[in-house]
């Protein structure tokens, strides 16, 4: 019995030592990798923190097509590349990476919708990107985009929702939407230790590999090591219910909107509920809606089709 207890103690001692050494290795690597991160856009200082704004294209006659990323995504600037690379040949495009994402700082600040929107507008102004904008929000940033149209209608030419979150969705089915992320929350300390450096399946390393250069793949990998499930992400989630109510109470949205909706959510049951809420919003606001045989990351699964829908929407604004 004594030998068994000794063996268990030695085993756990070795395990703790290995985990400790791996954590030290991860933190050391992060400090070294910081100098290898090379933003492909501009870092502007917003309220004491760096926010990354990427732009491309030079069409001054049309609205700026502004992409706003969803939750958990390591780097929206690369996440949206399959779509913006198609559109920047004809239009000006911009991607603003919120705090906690891409090349922006990992600063844990209040994530109420007013603060997020204020950061976005200030970052655009400092980067010299003026509206009007066609907002292309994915998922969670749908709330920010609707709020944008509520408080600054003159700056928003329209919204193309990329399977975007709507104000009544989270209060009704939020637990189902966030079930997997909430499971990750319980083990987020493992990511602080760097366990995501292990050679495990990771979709952030596999994102649209045909659309990224080797240099971009390397940058995405470094950003994944730095950003993966950081505290800002969970801070955003904690604000989702309040943000949904704030947008619901914010009044009518009177800019043109088109909903692009994926019909393959995490589960068949969730797909039905998600579609129902999207249809309800479209009917209430008399909006066009188009369904795609795609997952929630609709812009990854169907980039050319999504780009075409945005293109047609922008053309329609001028008619």
Protein backbone atom coordinates (compact mmCIF):
# COMPACT_ATOMS: atom_id res chain seq x y z
CA UNK A 1 0.00 0.00 0.00
CA UNK A 2 2.86 2.32 0.89
CA UNK A 3 4.51 1.62 -2.47
CA UNK A 4 1.25 2.38 -4.30
CA UNK A 5 0.87 5.70 -2.49
CA UNK A 6 4.49 6.56 -3.23
CA UNK A 7 4.03 5.67 -6.90
CA UNK A 8 0.93 7.84 -7.18
CA UNK A 9 2.70 10.75 -5.49
CA UNK A 10 5.66 10.42 -7.85
CA UNK A 11 3.33 10.23 -10.87
CA UNK A 12 1.45 13.39 -9.90
CA UNK A 13 4.69 15.13 -9.00
CA UNK A 14 6.11 14.42 -12.44
CA UNK A 15 2.82 15.53 -14.08
CA UNK A 16 2.87 18.83 -12.18
CA UNK A 17 6.51 19.36 -13.12
CA UNK A 18 5.82 18.71 -16.81
CA UNK A 19 2.81 21.05 -16.81
CA UNK A 20 4.83 23.72 -15.03
CA UNK A 21 7.71 23.45 -17.48
CA UNK A 22 5.31 23.50 -20.44
CA UNK A 23 3.63 26.64 -19.08
CA UNK A 24 6.98 28.37 -18.66
CA UNK A 25 7.90 27.32 -22.21
CA UNK A 26 4.60 28.72 -23.57
CA UNK A 27 4.95 32.06 -21.78
CA UNK A 28 8.58 32.33 -22.94
CA UNK A 29 7.57 31.55 -26.54
CA UNK A 30 4.82 34.18 -26.44
CA UNK A 31 7.32 36.82 -25.41
CA UNK A 32 9.60 35.84 -28.29
CA UNK A 33 6.76 35.58 -30.81
CA UNK A 34 5.46 39.04 -30.01
CA UNK A 35 8.18 40.52 -32.18
CA UNK A 36 7.23 38.27 -35.09
CA UNK A 37 3.68 39.55 -35.30
CA UNK A 38 3.46 41.90 -38.27
CA UNK A 39 0.02 43.52 -38.72
CA UNK A 40 -1.09 43.79 -42.34
CA UNK A 41 -3.11 46.89 -41.50
CA UNK A 42 -2.74 49.79 -39.06
CA UNK A 43 -2.65 49.71 -35.27
CA UNK A 44 -4.37 52.79 -33.86
CA UNK A 45 -4.57 53.75 -30.21
CA UNK A 46 -8.12 53.76 -28.85
CA UNK A 47 -8.54 54.71 -25.20
CA UNK A 48 -5.03 53.51 -24.41
CA UNK A 49 -5.16 50.22 -26.34
CA UNK A 50 -4.09 49.22 -29.83
CA UNK A 51 -6.86 48.29 -32.28
CA UNK A 52 -6.09 46.79 -35.69
CA UNK A 53 -7.75 48.21 -38.80
CA UNK A 54 -7.11 46.59 -42.17
CA UNK A 55 -8.08 48.28 -45.44
CA UNK A 56 -7.74 47.50 -49.13
CA UNK A 57 -9.18 48.87 -52.38
CA UNK A 58 -9.56 52.42 -53.62
CA UNK A 59 -13.10 52.88 -54.97
CA UNK A 60 -14.14 56.26 -53.55
CA UNK A 61 -17.52 56.24 -55.30
CA UNK A 62 -19.11 53.42 -53.28
CA UNK A 63 -19.59 52.85 -49.53
CA UNK A 64 -16.83 51.15 -47.56
CA UNK A 65 -17.60 47.46 -47.02
CA UNK A 66 -16.83 46.95 -43.32
CA UNK A 67 -16.38 43.42 -41.94
CA UNK A 68 -16.92 42.82 -38.22
CA UNK A 69 -16.00 39.43 -36.77
CA UNK A 70 -17.90 37.03 -34.56
CA UNK A 71 -16.88 35.42 -31.29
CA UNK A 72 -13.90 33.08 -30.73
CA UNK A 73 -12.32 33.77 -34.16
CA UNK A 74 -8.54 34.10 -33.82
CA UNK A 75 -8.05 36.75 -36.51
CA UNK A 76 -11.02 38.27 -38.38
CA UNK A 77 -8.72 39.86 -40.96
CA UNK A 78 -7.77 36.36 -42.17
CA UNK A 79 -11.15 34.82 -41.41
CA UNK A 80 -12.83 37.17 -43.90
CA UNK A 81 -10.07 37.09 -46.51
CA UNK A 82 -11.87 34.74 -48.95
CA UNK A 83 -14.63 37.35 -49.21
CA UNK A 84 -12.80 40.67 -48.95
CA UNK A 85 -10.14 39.59 -51.44
CA UNK A 86 -12.95 39.21 -54.00
CA UNK A 87 -14.55 42.56 -53.22
CA UNK A 88 -11.47 44.77 -52.80
CA UNK A 89 -10.90 44.62 -56.54
CA UNK A 90 -14.04 46.72 -56.96
CA UNK A 91 -14.66 48.41 -53.60
CA UNK A 92 -12.92 49.77 -50.54
CA UNK A 93 -13.03 47.20 -47.78
CA UNK A 94 -12.13 47.42 -44.10
CA UNK A 95 -11.84 44.95 -41.23
CA UNK A 96 -11.81 46.17 -37.64
CA UNK A 97 -10.51 43.62 -35.13
CA UNK A 98 -11.98 44.19 -31.68
CA UNK A 99 -9.89 44.02 -28.54
CA UNK A 100 -8.99 40.37 -27.96
CA UNK A 101 -8.90 39.50 -31.65
CA UNK A 102 -6.31 39.45 -34.40
CA UNK A 103 -3.52 41.96 -33.93
CA UNK A 104 -5.47 44.11 -31.45
CA UNK A 105 -4.53 44.22 -27.78
CA UNK A 106 -5.79 41.57 -25.36
CA UNK A 107 -7.28 44.18 -23.07
CA UNK A 108 -10.13 43.10 -20.80
CA UNK A 109 -12.43 46.12 -20.87
CA UNK A 110 -16.20 46.51 -20.47
CA UNK A 111 -17.80 44.83 -23.47
CA UNK A 112 -21.19 46.50 -23.48
CA UNK A 113 -22.38 47.26 -26.99
CA UNK A 114 -21.87 51.01 -26.56
CA UNK A 115 -18.20 50.53 -25.64
CA UNK A 116 -17.56 48.11 -28.50
CA UNK A 117 -19.22 50.42 -31.03
CA UNK A 118 -17.37 53.45 -29.68
CA UNK A 119 -14.06 51.60 -30.10
CA UNK A 120 -14.93 50.62 -33.68
CA UNK A 121 -15.95 54.12 -34.75
CA UNK A 122 -12.92 55.73 -33.12
CA UNK A 123 -10.56 53.17 -34.69
CA UNK A 124 -12.02 53.84 -38.14
CA UNK A 125 -11.68 57.58 -37.66
CA UNK A 126 -8.05 57.30 -36.51
CA UNK A 127 -7.27 55.02 -39.45
CA UNK A 128 -8.75 57.56 -41.85
CA UNK A 129 -11.61 55.32 -42.96
CA UNK A 130 -14.78 57.35 -43.33
CA UNK A 131 -18.29 56.19 -44.19
CA UNK A 132 -20.83 55.58 -45.28
CA UNK A 133 -20.34 51.88 -44.54
CA UNK A 134 -22.00 48.69 -45.65
CA UNK A 135 -21.67 46.64 -42.47
CA UNK A 136 -21.00 42.92 -42.92
CA UNK A 137 -21.19 41.45 -39.42
CA UNK A 138 -20.75 37.80 -38.62
CA UNK A 139 -22.48 36.25 -35.63
CA UNK A 140 -22.04 38.23 -32.38
CA UNK A 141 -21.17 41.51 -34.15
CA UNK A 142 -24.70 41.64 -35.53
CA UNK A 143 -25.70 43.38 -32.29
CA UNK A 144 -23.02 46.02 -32.74
CA UNK A 145 -24.06 46.59 -36.35
CA UNK A 146 -27.73 47.07 -35.56
CA UNK A 147 -26.76 49.45 -32.76
CA UNK A 148 -24.49 51.29 -35.22
CA UNK A 149 -27.48 51.88 -37.51
CA UNK A 150 -29.62 53.00 -34.57
CA UNK A 151 -27.22 55.67 -33.27
CA UNK A 152 -25.44 56.77 -36.46
CA UNK A 153 -27.83 56.17 -39.35
CA UNK A 154 -26.02 58.66 -41.61
CA UNK A 155 -22.83 56.59 -41.39
CA UNK A 156 -24.49 53.28 -42.30
CA UNK A 157 -25.55 52.68 -45.90
CA UNK A 158 -26.82 49.20 -45.12
CA UNK A 159 -26.18 45.86 -43.43
CA UNK A 160 -25.53 42.44 -44.93
CA UNK A 161 -25.82 39.98 -42.07
CA UNK A 162 -23.48 37.00 -42.34
CA UNK A 163 -25.49 34.60 -40.21
CA UNK A 164 -25.53 37.42 -37.69
CA UNK A 165 -26.85 37.40 -34.14
CA UNK A 166 -30.16 39.24 -33.79
CA UNK A 167 -31.45 40.95 -30.61
CA UNK A 168 -34.05 38.33 -29.68
CA UNK A 169 -31.91 35.26 -30.38
CA UNK A 170 -29.62 35.21 -27.35
CA UNK A 171 -32.34 35.82 -24.73
CA UNK A 172 -34.35 32.93 -26.19
CA UNK A 173 -31.76 30.28 -27.12
CA UNK A 174 -28.52 31.63 -25.67
CA UNK A 175 -27.77 28.55 -23.56
CA UNK A 176 -27.89 26.31 -26.62
CA UNK A 177 -25.80 28.70 -28.69
CA UNK A 178 -23.04 28.95 -26.12
CA UNK A 179 -23.05 25.41 -24.76
CA UNK A 180 -19.71 24.41 -26.31
CA UNK A 181 -18.02 27.70 -25.43
CA UNK A 182 -19.23 27.45 -21.84
CA UNK A 183 -17.67 23.98 -21.64
CA UNK A 184 -14.39 25.49 -22.81
CA UNK A 185 -14.67 28.23 -20.19
CA UNK A 186 -14.22 25.58 -17.48
CA UNK A 187 -10.84 24.55 -18.88
CA UNK A 188 -9.61 27.90 -20.19
CA UNK A 189 -6.65 27.70 -17.81
CA UNK A 190 -5.22 25.01 -20.07
CA UNK A 191 -4.94 27.55 -22.88
CA UNK A 192 -3.17 30.00 -20.57
CA UNK A 193 -0.68 27.17 -19.98
CA UNK A 194 -0.30 26.72 -23.74
CA UNK A 195 -1.88 23.31 -24.23
CA UNK A 196 -3.11 24.44 -27.64
CA UNK A 197 0.49 24.26 -28.83
CA UNK A 198 0.19 20.50 -28.79
CA UNK A 199 -0.44 18.87 -32.21
CA UNK A 200 -4.19 18.52 -31.74
CA UNK A 201 -6.92 19.23 -34.31
CA UNK A 202 -7.48 22.97 -34.42
CA UNK A 203 -9.68 24.60 -37.02
CA UNK A 204 -7.85 27.90 -36.67
CA UNK A 205 -4.83 26.25 -38.29
CA UNK A 206 -6.96 24.89 -41.11
CA UNK A 207 -8.88 28.02 -42.08
CA UNK A 208 -9.21 28.39 -45.82
CA UNK A 209 -5.60 27.32 -46.43
CA UNK A 210 -5.99 27.87 -50.18
CA UNK A 211 -6.66 31.56 -49.54
CA UNK A 212 -3.70 32.31 -47.29
CA UNK A 213 -0.08 32.79 -48.22
CA UNK A 214 2.58 30.91 -46.27
CA UNK A 215 3.41 34.11 -44.41
CA UNK A 216 -0.25 34.61 -43.51
CA UNK A 217 -0.52 31.02 -42.27
CA UNK A 218 2.46 31.61 -40.01
CA UNK A 219 0.91 34.82 -38.69
CA UNK A 220 -2.39 33.04 -38.06
CA UNK A 221 -0.59 30.32 -36.12
CA UNK A 222 1.22 32.87 -33.95
CA UNK A 223 -2.04 34.75 -33.33
CA UNK A 224 -3.74 31.49 -32.37
CA UNK A 225 -1.06 30.81 -29.76
CA UNK A 226 -1.60 34.33 -28.38
CA UNK A 227 -5.38 34.77 -28.70
CA UNK A 228 -6.97 31.35 -28.33
CA UNK A 229 -9.93 31.59 -25.93
CA UNK A 230 -8.51 34.59 -24.11
CA UNK A 231 -10.37 36.36 -21.28
CA UNK A 232 -11.79 39.07 -23.57
CA UNK A 233 -13.88 36.45 -25.38
CA UNK A 234 -15.59 35.33 -22.19
CA UNK A 235 -16.05 38.94 -21.12
CA UNK A 236 -17.99 39.55 -24.35
CA UNK A 237 -20.19 36.53 -23.72
CA UNK A 238 -20.97 37.75 -20.22
CA UNK A 239 -22.36 40.97 -21.75
CA UNK A 240 -24.45 39.29 -24.46
CA UNK A 241 -27.76 39.27 -22.63
CA UNK A 242 -27.53 42.93 -21.62
CA UNK A 243 -26.36 43.86 -25.12
CA UNK A 244 -29.28 42.02 -26.70
CA UNK A 245 -31.75 43.92 -24.52
CA UNK A 246 -30.01 47.25 -25.22
CA UNK A 247 -30.29 46.73 -28.98
CA UNK A 248 -33.90 45.56 -28.68
CA UNK A 249 -34.72 48.76 -26.78
CA UNK A 250 -32.77 50.93 -29.21
CA UNK A 251 -35.55 51.65 -31.64
CA UNK A 252 -36.26 51.04 -35.30
CA UNK A 253 -33.50 50.26 -37.77
CA UNK A 254 -34.32 52.07 -41.00
CA UNK A 255 -31.31 51.24 -43.17
CA UNK A 256 -31.45 48.55 -45.89
CA UNK A 257 -30.65 45.10 -44.50
CA UNK A 258 -30.25 41.70 -46.12
CA UNK A 259 -29.90 38.51 -44.09
CA UNK A 260 -27.64 35.71 -45.32
CA UNK A 261 -28.47 32.71 -43.18
CA UNK A 262 -26.71 29.36 -42.77
CA UNK A 263 -29.03 26.41 -42.25
CA UNK A 264 -26.44 24.06 -40.72
CA UNK A 265 -25.98 25.12 -37.12
CA UNK A 266 -24.37 22.98 -34.41
CA UNK A 267 -27.38 20.69 -34.12
CA UNK A 268 -30.55 20.09 -36.22
CA UNK A 269 -32.67 21.45 -33.37
CA UNK A 270 -30.59 24.61 -33.13
CA UNK A 271 -30.78 25.03 -36.91
CA UNK A 272 -34.58 25.07 -36.74
CA UNK A 273 -34.66 27.60 -33.90
CA UNK A 274 -32.01 29.82 -35.53
CA UNK A 275 -33.90 29.85 -38.83
CA UNK A 276 -37.17 30.63 -37.06
CA UNK A 277 -35.71 33.70 -35.31
CA UNK A 278 -34.08 34.94 -38.52
CA UNK A 279 -37.38 34.60 -40.40
CA UNK A 280 -39.26 36.36 -37.62
CA UNK A 281 -36.87 39.32 -37.72
CA UNK A 282 -37.02 39.44 -41.53
CA UNK A 283 -40.82 39.40 -41.52
CA UNK A 284 -41.11 42.06 -38.82
CA UNK A 285 -38.74 44.40 -40.65
CA UNK A 286 -39.74 43.33 -44.19
CA UNK A 287 -36.22 42.24 -45.08
CA UNK A 288 -34.92 39.95 -47.83
CA UNK A 289 -33.41 36.72 -46.58
CA UNK A 290 -31.33 34.09 -48.36
CA UNK A 291 -30.39 30.66 -47.07
CA UNK A 292 -27.12 28.86 -47.69
CA UNK A 293 -26.26 25.19 -47.39
CA UNK A 294 -23.42 26.10 -45.05
CA UNK A 295 -22.31 26.13 -41.44
CA UNK A 296 -22.35 29.14 -39.14
CA UNK A 297 -19.11 30.44 -40.68
CA UNK A 298 -20.96 31.07 -43.90
CA UNK A 299 -18.19 33.25 -45.36
CA UNK A 300 -15.71 30.37 -45.06
CA UNK A 301 -18.01 27.75 -46.56
CA UNK A 302 -19.41 29.86 -49.41
CA UNK A 303 -17.04 32.81 -49.95
CA UNK A 304 -17.78 33.44 -53.63
CA UNK A 305 -21.54 33.29 -53.10
CA UNK A 306 -21.33 35.60 -50.09
CA UNK A 307 -19.14 38.05 -52.02
CA UNK A 308 -21.69 38.06 -54.86
CA UNK A 309 -24.54 38.79 -52.45
CA UNK A 310 -22.63 41.72 -50.93
CA UNK A 311 -21.75 42.99 -54.41
CA UNK A 312 -25.38 42.90 -55.54
CA UNK A 313 -26.49 44.58 -52.31
CA UNK A 314 -24.05 47.46 -52.82
CA UNK A 315 -25.10 47.88 -56.44
CA UNK A 316 -28.72 47.95 -55.34
CA UNK A 317 -28.04 50.87 -52.99
CA UNK A 318 -27.17 53.04 -55.96
CA UNK A 319 -30.25 52.19 -57.97
